């Protein structure tokens, strides 16, 4: 009986610790004309009031040294490709203020002329 009670207490504590935990991992493959391609990833690691999230978007085989706009849902971010026509956008969010990203959220990358060079969906 004592052993069963100890096991029950241990399981209850474990369940309590993970009851307020939430993890989200979303991935999107981005495609574009010619050889242009990229990826996007959204991860959240929330535990009670400790809320963390990370957004990563990358692209390659794009125009070299060119300004681009990354749009994820209704959020936009400015990036510039490097000498090889690649970019990486990495954003970290601590707390509840962060983009709302769910399955079906569209990711697009446009060039300075407003032409879509990459697109995909989480």
N, C-alpha and C. Protein backbone atom coordinates (compact mmCIF):
# COMPACT_ATOMS: atom_id res chain seq x y z
N UNK A 1 0.82 -1.19 0.00
CA UNK A 1 0.00 0.00 0.00
C UNK A 1 0.87 1.25 0.00
N UNK A 2 1.94 1.23 0.83
CA UNK A 2 2.82 2.38 0.91
C UNK A 2 3.51 2.62 -0.43
N UNK A 3 3.91 1.54 -1.10
CA UNK A 3 4.57 1.66 -2.40
C UNK A 3 3.58 2.18 -3.45
N UNK A 4 2.37 1.70 -3.44
CA UNK A 4 1.35 2.17 -4.39
C UNK A 4 1.06 3.65 -4.17
N UNK A 5 1.02 4.09 -2.92
CA UNK A 5 0.77 5.49 -2.62
C UNK A 5 1.93 6.35 -3.11
N UNK A 6 3.16 5.89 -2.95
CA UNK A 6 4.34 6.63 -3.42
C UNK A 6 4.30 6.76 -4.94
N UNK A 7 3.93 5.70 -5.63
CA UNK A 7 3.84 5.73 -7.08
C UNK A 7 2.74 6.69 -7.53
N UNK A 8 1.61 6.68 -6.85
CA UNK A 8 0.51 7.57 -7.18
C UNK A 8 0.92 9.03 -6.98
N UNK A 9 1.62 9.32 -5.90
CA UNK A 9 2.09 10.69 -5.64
C UNK A 9 3.08 11.11 -6.74
N UNK A 10 4.01 10.25 -7.11
CA UNK A 10 4.99 10.56 -8.15
C UNK A 10 4.30 10.83 -9.48
N UNK A 11 3.31 10.02 -9.85
CA UNK A 11 2.57 10.23 -11.09
C UNK A 11 1.78 11.53 -11.05
N UNK A 12 1.19 11.85 -9.91
CA UNK A 12 0.43 13.08 -9.77
C UNK A 12 1.32 14.31 -9.92
N UNK A 13 2.50 14.27 -9.31
CA UNK A 13 3.44 15.38 -9.42
C UNK A 13 3.90 15.54 -10.86
N UNK A 14 4.21 14.44 -11.54
CA UNK A 14 4.63 14.49 -12.94
C UNK A 14 3.52 15.08 -13.80
N UNK A 15 2.30 14.64 -13.61
CA UNK A 15 1.17 15.15 -14.38
C UNK A 15 0.98 16.64 -14.12
N UNK A 16 1.16 17.07 -12.87
CA UNK A 16 1.01 18.48 -12.54
C UNK A 16 2.09 19.32 -13.24
N UNK A 17 3.32 18.82 -13.25
CA UNK A 17 4.42 19.56 -13.86
C UNK A 17 4.22 19.74 -15.36
N UNK A 18 3.61 18.78 -16.04
CA UNK A 18 3.45 18.85 -17.48
C UNK A 18 2.05 19.29 -17.91
N UNK A 19 1.16 19.52 -16.97
CA UNK A 19 -0.20 19.92 -17.31
C UNK A 19 -0.23 21.27 -18.02
N UNK A 20 0.64 22.19 -17.64
CA UNK A 20 0.68 23.51 -18.24
C UNK A 20 1.75 23.62 -19.32
N UNK A 21 2.24 22.52 -19.80
CA UNK A 21 3.28 22.54 -20.82
C UNK A 21 2.66 22.41 -22.20
N UNK A 22 3.23 23.15 -23.14
CA UNK A 22 2.76 23.06 -24.52
C UNK A 22 3.94 23.20 -25.46
N UNK A 23 3.99 22.34 -26.45
CA UNK A 23 5.05 22.39 -27.47
C UNK A 23 4.39 22.37 -28.83
N UNK A 24 4.88 23.22 -29.70
CA UNK A 24 4.40 23.24 -31.08
C UNK A 24 5.63 23.23 -31.98
N UNK A 25 5.64 22.38 -32.97
CA UNK A 25 6.69 22.31 -33.98
C UNK A 25 6.03 22.28 -35.35
N UNK A 26 6.16 23.36 -36.09
CA UNK A 26 5.60 23.44 -37.44
C UNK A 26 6.71 23.66 -38.44
N UNK A 27 6.58 23.06 -39.61
CA UNK A 27 7.60 23.16 -40.64
C UNK A 27 6.93 23.46 -41.98
N UNK A 28 7.61 24.30 -42.77
CA UNK A 28 7.10 24.60 -44.12
C UNK A 28 8.26 24.53 -45.11
N UNK A 29 8.03 23.88 -46.23
CA UNK A 29 8.99 23.91 -47.34
C UNK A 29 8.58 25.05 -48.25
N UNK A 30 9.54 25.88 -48.62
CA UNK A 30 9.26 27.03 -49.48
C UNK A 30 9.82 26.76 -50.87
N UNK A 31 9.03 27.07 -51.86
CA UNK A 31 9.45 26.86 -53.25
C UNK A 31 9.28 28.15 -54.03
N UNK A 32 10.02 28.24 -55.13
CA UNK A 32 9.95 29.41 -55.97
C UNK A 32 10.36 29.08 -57.38
N UNK A 33 10.44 30.09 -58.22
CA UNK A 33 10.84 29.84 -59.61
C UNK A 33 12.30 29.42 -59.70
N UNK A 34 12.63 28.78 -60.78
CA UNK A 34 13.99 28.29 -61.02
C UNK A 34 14.41 27.36 -59.89
N UNK A 35 15.55 27.59 -59.29
CA UNK A 35 16.06 26.71 -58.23
C UNK A 35 15.79 27.26 -56.84
N UNK A 36 15.11 28.39 -56.72
CA UNK A 36 14.87 29.02 -55.42
C UNK A 36 14.13 28.05 -54.50
N UNK A 37 14.61 27.96 -53.26
CA UNK A 37 13.96 27.10 -52.29
C UNK A 37 14.28 27.62 -50.89
N UNK A 38 13.53 27.12 -49.93
CA UNK A 38 13.76 27.53 -48.55
C UNK A 38 12.95 26.70 -47.59
N UNK A 39 13.07 27.06 -46.32
CA UNK A 39 12.35 26.37 -45.25
C UNK A 39 11.95 27.37 -44.19
N UNK A 40 10.91 27.04 -43.47
CA UNK A 40 10.49 27.84 -42.33
C UNK A 40 10.15 26.89 -41.19
N UNK A 41 10.45 27.32 -39.98
CA UNK A 41 10.17 26.50 -38.81
C UNK A 41 9.67 27.39 -37.68
N UNK A 42 8.63 26.94 -37.00
CA UNK A 42 8.05 27.64 -35.85
C UNK A 42 8.02 26.66 -34.68
N UNK A 43 8.63 27.04 -33.58
CA UNK A 43 8.65 26.18 -32.39
C UNK A 43 8.23 26.99 -31.19
N UNK A 44 7.39 26.41 -30.36
CA UNK A 44 7.06 27.01 -29.07
C UNK A 44 7.38 26.02 -27.98
N UNK A 45 7.82 26.54 -26.87
CA UNK A 45 8.11 25.76 -25.67
C UNK A 45 7.54 26.53 -24.49
N UNK A 46 6.28 26.29 -24.21
CA UNK A 46 5.60 27.01 -23.13
C UNK A 46 5.44 26.09 -21.93
N UNK A 47 5.71 26.65 -20.77
CA UNK A 47 5.51 25.90 -19.53
C UNK A 47 5.03 26.88 -18.48
N UNK A 48 3.73 26.84 -18.23
CA UNK A 48 3.14 27.78 -17.28
C UNK A 48 3.30 29.21 -17.78
N UNK A 49 3.91 30.06 -16.96
CA UNK A 49 4.10 31.45 -17.36
C UNK A 49 5.39 31.66 -18.15
N UNK A 50 6.20 30.63 -18.28
CA UNK A 50 7.43 30.72 -19.06
C UNK A 50 7.11 30.36 -20.51
N UNK A 51 7.06 31.38 -21.36
CA UNK A 51 6.66 31.18 -22.75
C UNK A 51 7.82 31.54 -23.66
N UNK A 52 8.24 30.58 -24.49
CA UNK A 52 9.34 30.78 -25.43
C UNK A 52 8.92 30.31 -26.81
N UNK A 53 9.34 31.05 -27.83
CA UNK A 53 9.03 30.66 -29.21
C UNK A 53 10.19 31.08 -30.11
N UNK A 54 10.32 30.38 -31.23
CA UNK A 54 11.39 30.70 -32.18
C UNK A 54 10.85 30.52 -33.60
N UNK A 55 11.15 31.51 -34.43
CA UNK A 55 10.79 31.47 -35.84
C UNK A 55 12.07 31.51 -36.66
N UNK A 56 12.22 30.57 -37.57
CA UNK A 56 13.37 30.54 -38.47
C UNK A 56 12.86 30.42 -39.90
N UNK A 57 13.35 31.29 -40.76
CA UNK A 57 13.03 31.23 -42.18
C UNK A 57 14.34 31.39 -42.93
N UNK A 58 14.56 30.54 -43.92
CA UNK A 58 15.78 30.65 -44.73
C UNK A 58 15.46 30.39 -46.19
N UNK A 59 16.25 30.99 -47.04
CA UNK A 59 16.07 30.82 -48.48
C UNK A 59 17.41 30.79 -49.17
N UNK A 60 17.43 30.17 -50.34
CA UNK A 60 18.67 30.10 -51.13
C UNK A 60 18.34 30.11 -52.61
N UNK A 61 19.36 30.34 -53.42
CA UNK A 61 19.25 30.45 -54.87
C UNK A 61 18.37 31.63 -55.27
N UNK A 62 18.57 32.73 -54.55
CA UNK A 62 17.84 33.97 -54.82
C UNK A 62 18.82 35.00 -55.39
N UNK A 63 18.32 36.19 -55.70
CA UNK A 63 19.19 37.27 -56.17
C UNK A 63 20.25 37.58 -55.11
N UNK A 64 21.45 37.90 -55.54
CA UNK A 64 22.56 38.16 -54.62
C UNK A 64 22.47 39.58 -54.05
N UNK A 65 22.77 39.70 -52.76
CA UNK A 65 22.82 41.00 -52.07
C UNK A 65 21.55 41.83 -52.30
N UNK A 66 20.41 41.21 -52.17
CA UNK A 66 19.14 41.87 -52.49
C UNK A 66 18.24 41.96 -51.26
N UNK A 67 17.55 43.08 -51.10
CA UNK A 67 16.59 43.19 -50.00
C UNK A 67 15.36 42.34 -50.30
N UNK A 68 14.86 41.68 -49.27
CA UNK A 68 13.67 40.83 -49.39
C UNK A 68 12.74 41.12 -48.22
N UNK A 69 11.48 40.79 -48.39
CA UNK A 69 10.52 40.89 -47.31
C UNK A 69 9.96 39.50 -47.04
N UNK A 70 10.08 39.07 -45.80
CA UNK A 70 9.53 37.78 -45.37
C UNK A 70 8.20 38.08 -44.69
N UNK A 71 7.14 37.42 -45.16
CA UNK A 71 5.82 37.59 -44.55
C UNK A 71 5.38 36.25 -44.00
N UNK A 72 5.03 36.25 -42.72
CA UNK A 72 4.53 35.05 -42.05
C UNK A 72 3.19 35.44 -41.44
N UNK A 73 2.12 34.93 -42.05
CA UNK A 73 0.78 35.36 -41.61
C UNK A 73 0.62 36.84 -41.88
N UNK A 74 0.39 37.62 -40.82
CA UNK A 74 0.24 39.07 -40.98
C UNK A 74 1.46 39.85 -40.50
N UNK A 75 2.56 39.16 -40.23
CA UNK A 75 3.81 39.79 -39.77
C UNK A 75 4.80 39.88 -40.93
N UNK A 76 5.53 40.98 -41.03
CA UNK A 76 6.55 41.12 -42.07
C UNK A 76 7.90 41.43 -41.43
N UNK A 77 8.95 40.93 -42.07
CA UNK A 77 10.32 41.08 -41.59
C UNK A 77 11.21 41.36 -42.79
N UNK A 78 12.14 42.30 -42.64
CA UNK A 78 13.07 42.64 -43.71
C UNK A 78 14.35 41.83 -43.57
N UNK A 79 14.84 41.30 -44.70
CA UNK A 79 16.10 40.57 -44.74
C UNK A 79 16.84 41.01 -46.01
N UNK A 80 18.12 40.68 -46.06
CA UNK A 80 18.93 40.92 -47.25
C UNK A 80 19.70 39.65 -47.54
N UNK A 81 19.68 39.22 -48.78
CA UNK A 81 20.45 38.03 -49.14
C UNK A 81 21.94 38.36 -49.13
N UNK A 82 22.76 37.33 -49.00
CA UNK A 82 24.21 37.51 -48.99
C UNK A 82 24.78 37.39 -50.40
N UNK A 83 26.10 37.33 -50.49
CA UNK A 83 26.79 37.21 -51.79
C UNK A 83 26.41 35.95 -52.56
N UNK A 84 25.87 34.96 -51.85
CA UNK A 84 25.52 33.69 -52.50
C UNK A 84 24.02 33.59 -52.81
N UNK A 85 23.25 34.65 -52.49
CA UNK A 85 21.81 34.63 -52.74
C UNK A 85 21.03 33.87 -51.68
N UNK A 86 21.57 33.83 -50.47
CA UNK A 86 20.91 33.13 -49.36
C UNK A 86 20.62 34.11 -48.22
N UNK A 87 19.64 33.76 -47.39
CA UNK A 87 19.38 34.52 -46.17
C UNK A 87 18.91 33.58 -45.07
N UNK A 88 19.08 34.02 -43.85
CA UNK A 88 18.55 33.31 -42.67
C UNK A 88 17.94 34.34 -41.75
N UNK A 89 16.72 34.11 -41.35
CA UNK A 89 16.03 34.95 -40.38
C UNK A 89 15.77 34.10 -39.15
N UNK A 90 16.28 34.52 -38.01
CA UNK A 90 16.06 33.80 -36.76
C UNK A 90 15.55 34.79 -35.73
N UNK A 91 14.36 34.54 -35.22
CA UNK A 91 13.75 35.41 -34.22
C UNK A 91 13.33 34.58 -33.01
N UNK A 92 13.62 35.11 -31.83
CA UNK A 92 13.22 34.45 -30.58
C UNK A 92 12.27 35.36 -29.83
N UNK A 93 11.26 34.77 -29.24
CA UNK A 93 10.25 35.50 -28.49
C UNK A 93 10.16 34.93 -27.09
N UNK A 94 10.26 35.77 -26.09
CA UNK A 94 10.09 35.36 -24.70
C UNK A 94 8.86 36.09 -24.16
N UNK A 95 7.88 35.33 -23.73
CA UNK A 95 6.65 35.92 -23.22
C UNK A 95 5.51 35.73 -24.21
N UNK A 96 4.36 36.30 -23.89
CA UNK A 96 3.17 36.06 -24.71
C UNK A 96 3.10 36.90 -25.98
N UNK A 97 3.93 37.93 -26.14
CA UNK A 97 3.89 38.77 -27.33
C UNK A 97 4.74 38.12 -28.42
N UNK A 98 4.04 37.56 -29.42
CA UNK A 98 4.70 36.87 -30.51
C UNK A 98 3.68 36.66 -31.63
N UNK A 99 4.15 36.33 -32.82
CA UNK A 99 3.20 36.10 -33.92
C UNK A 99 2.28 34.91 -33.63
N UNK A 100 1.10 34.95 -34.21
CA UNK A 100 0.19 33.81 -34.14
C UNK A 100 0.44 32.97 -35.39
N UNK A 101 1.02 31.79 -35.18
CA UNK A 101 1.35 30.90 -36.29
C UNK A 101 0.72 29.55 -36.00
N UNK A 102 -0.11 29.08 -36.93
CA UNK A 102 -0.81 27.81 -36.78
C UNK A 102 -0.71 27.04 -38.08
N UNK A 103 -1.17 25.81 -38.08
CA UNK A 103 -1.22 25.03 -39.32
C UNK A 103 -2.05 25.81 -40.34
N UNK A 104 -1.50 26.00 -41.52
CA UNK A 104 -2.18 26.75 -42.56
C UNK A 104 -1.67 28.17 -42.73
N UNK A 105 -0.82 28.64 -41.81
CA UNK A 105 -0.25 29.98 -41.94
C UNK A 105 0.68 30.01 -43.15
N UNK A 106 0.51 31.03 -44.00
CA UNK A 106 1.29 31.16 -45.23
C UNK A 106 2.59 31.92 -44.94
N UNK A 107 3.67 31.44 -45.55
CA UNK A 107 4.98 32.09 -45.50
C UNK A 107 5.33 32.48 -46.92
N UNK A 108 5.71 33.75 -47.13
CA UNK A 108 6.13 34.16 -48.47
C UNK A 108 7.33 35.10 -48.36
N UNK A 109 8.12 35.10 -49.40
CA UNK A 109 9.28 35.98 -49.51
C UNK A 109 9.11 36.73 -50.82
N UNK A 110 9.17 38.07 -50.74
CA UNK A 110 9.05 38.89 -51.94
C UNK A 110 10.32 39.72 -52.12
N UNK A 111 10.62 40.04 -53.38
CA UNK A 111 11.79 40.87 -53.66
C UNK A 111 11.39 42.35 -53.61
N UNK A 112 12.33 43.23 -53.91
CA UNK A 112 12.09 44.67 -53.84
C UNK A 112 11.01 45.14 -54.81
N UNK A 113 10.82 44.39 -55.90
CA UNK A 113 9.79 44.73 -56.89
C UNK A 113 8.41 44.21 -56.49
N UNK A 114 8.34 43.48 -55.37
CA UNK A 114 7.06 42.92 -54.92
C UNK A 114 6.74 41.57 -55.51
N UNK A 115 7.68 40.99 -56.25
CA UNK A 115 7.47 39.67 -56.84
C UNK A 115 7.72 38.59 -55.79
N UNK A 116 6.83 37.60 -55.73
CA UNK A 116 7.00 36.49 -54.80
C UNK A 116 8.09 35.57 -55.33
N UNK A 117 9.14 35.38 -54.52
CA UNK A 117 10.25 34.52 -54.93
C UNK A 117 10.24 33.17 -54.19
N UNK A 118 9.53 33.11 -53.05
CA UNK A 118 9.37 31.86 -52.30
C UNK A 118 8.00 31.88 -51.64
N UNK A 119 7.39 30.71 -51.55
CA UNK A 119 6.12 30.63 -50.84
C UNK A 119 5.93 29.20 -50.32
N UNK A 120 5.18 29.10 -49.23
CA UNK A 120 4.87 27.81 -48.63
C UNK A 120 3.87 28.00 -47.51
N UNK A 121 3.51 26.89 -46.87
CA UNK A 121 2.50 26.94 -45.82
C UNK A 121 2.89 25.99 -44.69
N UNK A 122 2.71 26.46 -43.45
CA UNK A 122 2.95 25.60 -42.30
C UNK A 122 1.89 24.51 -42.24
